[in-house]
Amino acid sequence: MSDDLSLFGDDEQPGPQSVEPVAAPVADWQIALLRKALDARGLTSMTDRQRAIEAVAARPVESLRALTHEEALTVLTRLGPAPETQRSGSTWDQRDEDTWIDRL
């Protein structure tokens, strides 16, 4: 019976194994948000987009799919809405068309 293998594997006690957690891949919704954030910043060329992503990710990135879930969250947080430096005044001053009061 000593030559038989144990059914539950109790005979061998493997040492502690170092298992590195696998980074979750970027989700499709994150890619869509990243593209919107880049568009909102006026980054239309692939070179400008890649530079912006790589600056935040702090590593070379071939495409948006190469990002991890956590990296995409970081990039989205850092890019976020574009700073509104050009706008000054109230939303009333920034309206696009005349109101009925303006037409009087």
C-alpha atoms as a PDB file:
ATOM      1  CA  MET A   1       0.000   0.000   0.000  1.00  0.00           C
ATOM      2  CA  SER A   2       2.977   2.283   0.408  1.00  0.00           C
ATOM      3  CA  ASP A   3       3.449   2.314  -3.374  1.00  0.00           C
ATOM      4  CA  ASP A   4      -0.151   3.430  -3.983  1.00  0.00           C
ATOM      5  CA  LEU A   5      -0.814   7.079  -4.581  1.00  0.00           C
ATOM      6  CA  SER A   6      -2.980   8.818  -2.090  1.00  0.00           C
ATOM      7  CA  LEU A   7      -6.408   9.823  -3.351  1.00  0.00           C
ATOM      8  CA  PHE A   8      -6.193  13.249  -1.822  1.00  0.00           C
ATOM      9  CA  GLY A   9      -2.538  14.039  -2.396  1.00  0.00           C
ATOM     10  CA  ASP A  10      -1.653  14.105   1.301  1.00  0.00           C
ATOM     11  CA  ASP A  11       1.684  12.376   0.756  1.00  0.00           C
ATOM     12  CA  GLU A  12       3.420  15.308  -0.877  1.00  0.00           C
ATOM     13  CA  GLN A  13       3.464  18.721   0.714  1.00  0.00           C
ATOM     14  CA  PRO A  14       4.689  21.233  -1.867  1.00  0.00           C
ATOM     15  CA  GLY A  15       6.485  24.265  -0.577  1.00  0.00           C
ATOM     16  CA  PRO A  16       4.930  27.706  -0.805  1.00  0.00           C
ATOM     17  CA  GLN A  17       4.616  28.798  -4.378  1.00  0.00           C
ATOM     18  CA  SER A  18       4.868  32.417  -5.353  1.00  0.00           C
ATOM     19  CA  VAL A  19       1.940  33.147  -7.601  1.00  0.00           C
ATOM     20  CA  GLU A  20       1.871  36.600  -9.053  1.00  0.00           C
ATOM     21  CA  PRO A  21      -1.602  37.995  -9.590  1.00  0.00           C
ATOM     22  CA  VAL A  22      -2.534  38.352 -13.214  1.00  0.00           C
ATOM     23  CA  ALA A  23      -3.569  41.871 -14.148  1.00  0.00           C
ATOM     24  CA  ALA A  24      -7.110  42.115 -15.478  1.00  0.00           C
ATOM     25  CA  PRO A  25      -7.336  43.171 -19.125  1.00  0.00           C
ATOM     26  CA  VAL A  26      -8.856  46.481 -20.105  1.00  0.00           C
ATOM     27  CA  ALA A  27     -12.628  46.383 -20.642  1.00  0.00           C
ATOM     28  CA  ASP A  28     -14.419  47.574 -23.771  1.00  0.00           C
ATOM     29  CA  TRP A  29     -16.238  50.307 -21.830  1.00  0.00           C
ATOM     30  CA  GLN A  30     -12.896  51.633 -20.587  1.00  0.00           C
ATOM     31  CA  ILE A  31     -11.559  51.837 -24.134  1.00  0.00           C
ATOM     32  CA  ALA A  32     -14.647  53.778 -25.208  1.00  0.00           C
ATOM     33  CA  LEU A  33     -14.198  56.203 -22.303  1.00  0.00           C
ATOM     34  CA  LEU A  34     -10.495  56.591 -23.052  1.00  0.00           C
ATOM     35  CA  ARG A  35     -11.280  57.501 -26.650  1.00  0.00           C
ATOM     36  CA  LYS A  36     -13.867  60.060 -25.516  1.00  0.00           C
ATOM     37  CA  ALA A  37     -11.415  61.581 -23.036  1.00  0.00           C
ATOM     38  CA  LEU A  38      -8.743  61.854 -25.734  1.00  0.00           C
ATOM     39  CA  ASP A  39     -11.245  63.421 -28.138  1.00  0.00           C
ATOM     40  CA  ALA A  40     -12.340  65.906 -25.459  1.00  0.00           C
ATOM     41  CA  ARG A  41      -8.730  66.990 -25.069  1.00  0.00           C
ATOM     42  CA  GLY A  42      -8.444  67.588 -28.799  1.00  0.00           C
ATOM     43  CA  LEU A  43      -5.954  64.769 -29.314  1.00  0.00           C
ATOM     44  CA  THR A  44      -6.822  63.465 -32.750  1.00  0.00           C
ATOM     45  CA  SER A  45      -3.567  62.127 -34.161  1.00  0.00           C
ATOM     46  CA  MET A  46      -2.436  58.661 -33.097  1.00  0.00           C
ATOM     47  CA  THR A  47       0.964  59.995 -32.101  1.00  0.00           C
ATOM     48  CA  ASP A  48      -0.519  62.587 -29.735  1.00  0.00           C
ATOM     49  CA  ARG A  49      -2.912  60.025 -28.255  1.00  0.00           C
ATOM     50  CA  GLN A  50      -0.126  57.513 -27.712  1.00  0.00           C
ATOM     51  CA  ARG A  51       2.107  60.101 -26.049  1.00  0.00           C
ATOM     52  CA  ALA A  52      -0.681  61.146 -23.686  1.00  0.00           C
ATOM     53  CA  ILE A  53      -1.459  57.550 -22.707  1.00  0.00           C
ATOM     54  CA  GLU A  54       2.207  56.648 -22.270  1.00  0.00           C
ATOM     55  CA  ALA A  55       2.848  59.743 -20.158  1.00  0.00           C
ATOM     56  CA  VAL A  56       0.178  58.682 -17.678  1.00  0.00           C
ATOM     57  CA  ALA A  57       0.842  54.931 -17.840  1.00  0.00           C
ATOM     58  CA  ALA A  58       4.611  55.558 -17.452  1.00  0.00           C
ATOM     59  CA  ARG A  59       5.451  52.791 -19.928  1.00  0.00           C
ATOM     60  CA  PRO A  60       5.379  52.194 -23.674  1.00  0.00           C
ATOM     61  CA  VAL A  61       1.873  51.294 -24.865  1.00  0.00           C
ATOM     62  CA  GLU A  62       1.301  49.859 -28.339  1.00  0.00           C
ATOM     63  CA  SER A  63      -2.494  50.202 -28.245  1.00  0.00           C
ATOM     64  CA  LEU A  64      -5.308  50.843 -25.791  1.00  0.00           C
ATOM     65  CA  ARG A  65      -5.854  47.073 -25.546  1.00  0.00           C
ATOM     66  CA  ALA A  66      -2.330  46.739 -24.116  1.00  0.00           C
ATOM     67  CA  LEU A  67      -3.413  48.578 -20.966  1.00  0.00           C
ATOM     68  CA  THR A  68      -4.512  46.722 -17.863  1.00  0.00           C
ATOM     69  CA  HIS A  69      -7.772  47.446 -16.076  1.00  0.00           C
ATOM     70  CA  GLU A  70      -5.959  49.400 -13.348  1.00  0.00           C
ATOM     71  CA  GLU A  71      -3.862  51.379 -15.826  1.00  0.00           C
ATOM     72  CA  ALA A  72      -6.985  52.333 -17.774  1.00  0.00           C
ATOM     73  CA  LEU A  73      -8.612  53.606 -14.581  1.00  0.00           C
ATOM     74  CA  THR A  74      -5.517  55.652 -13.787  1.00  0.00           C
ATOM     75  CA  VAL A  75      -5.384  57.122 -17.290  1.00  0.00           C
ATOM     76  CA  LEU A  76      -9.098  57.966 -17.192  1.00  0.00           C
ATOM     77  CA  THR A  77      -8.699  59.665 -13.833  1.00  0.00           C
ATOM     78  CA  ARG A  78      -5.690  61.693 -14.958  1.00  0.00           C
ATOM     79  CA  LEU A  79      -7.089  62.662 -18.358  1.00  0.00           C
ATOM     80  CA  GLY A  80     -10.621  63.210 -17.137  1.00  0.00           C
ATOM     81  CA  PRO A  81     -12.448  66.259 -18.370  1.00  0.00           C
ATOM     82  CA  ALA A  82     -10.311  68.800 -20.165  1.00  0.00           C
ATOM     83  CA  PRO A  83      -9.447  71.883 -18.153  1.00  0.00           C
ATOM     84  CA  GLU A  84     -11.727  74.769 -19.013  1.00  0.00           C
ATOM     85  CA  THR A  85      -9.211  77.569 -19.318  1.00  0.00           C
ATOM     86  CA  GLN A  86     -10.851  79.273 -22.278  1.00  0.00           C
ATOM     87  CA  ARG A  87     -14.227  79.721 -20.663  1.00  0.00           C
ATOM     88  CA  SER A  88     -14.806  82.704 -18.497  1.00  0.00           C
ATOM     89  CA  GLY A  89     -18.040  84.163 -17.282  1.00  0.00           C
ATOM     90  CA  SER A  90     -21.304  82.471 -16.560  1.00  0.00           C
ATOM     91  CA  THR A  91     -23.236  79.925 -18.568  1.00  0.00           C
ATOM     92  CA  TRP A  92     -25.635  82.724 -19.470  1.00  0.00           C
ATOM     93  CA  ASP A  93     -22.795  84.491 -21.276  1.00  0.00           C
ATOM     94  CA  GLN A  94     -21.804  81.243 -23.012  1.00  0.00           C
ATOM     95  CA  ARG A  95     -25.244  80.496 -24.518  1.00  0.00           C
ATOM     96  CA  ASP A  96     -25.323  79.680 -28.223  1.00  0.00           C
ATOM     97  CA  GLU A  97     -28.503  81.348 -29.372  1.00  0.00           C
ATOM     98  CA  ASP A  98     -30.552  84.390 -28.415  1.00  0.00           C
ATOM     99  CA  THR A  99     -33.382  84.071 -25.971  1.00  0.00           C
ATOM    100  CA  TRP A 100     -36.735  85.791 -26.394  1.00  0.00           C
ATOM    101  CA  ILE A 101     -35.441  88.574 -24.146  1.00  0.00           C
ATOM    102  CA  ASP A 102     -32.517  89.210 -26.508  1.00  0.00           C
ATOM    103  CA  ARG A 103     -34.869  89.474 -29.471  1.00  0.00           C
ATOM    104  CA  LEU A 104     -36.956  92.293 -27.919  1.00  0.00           C
END
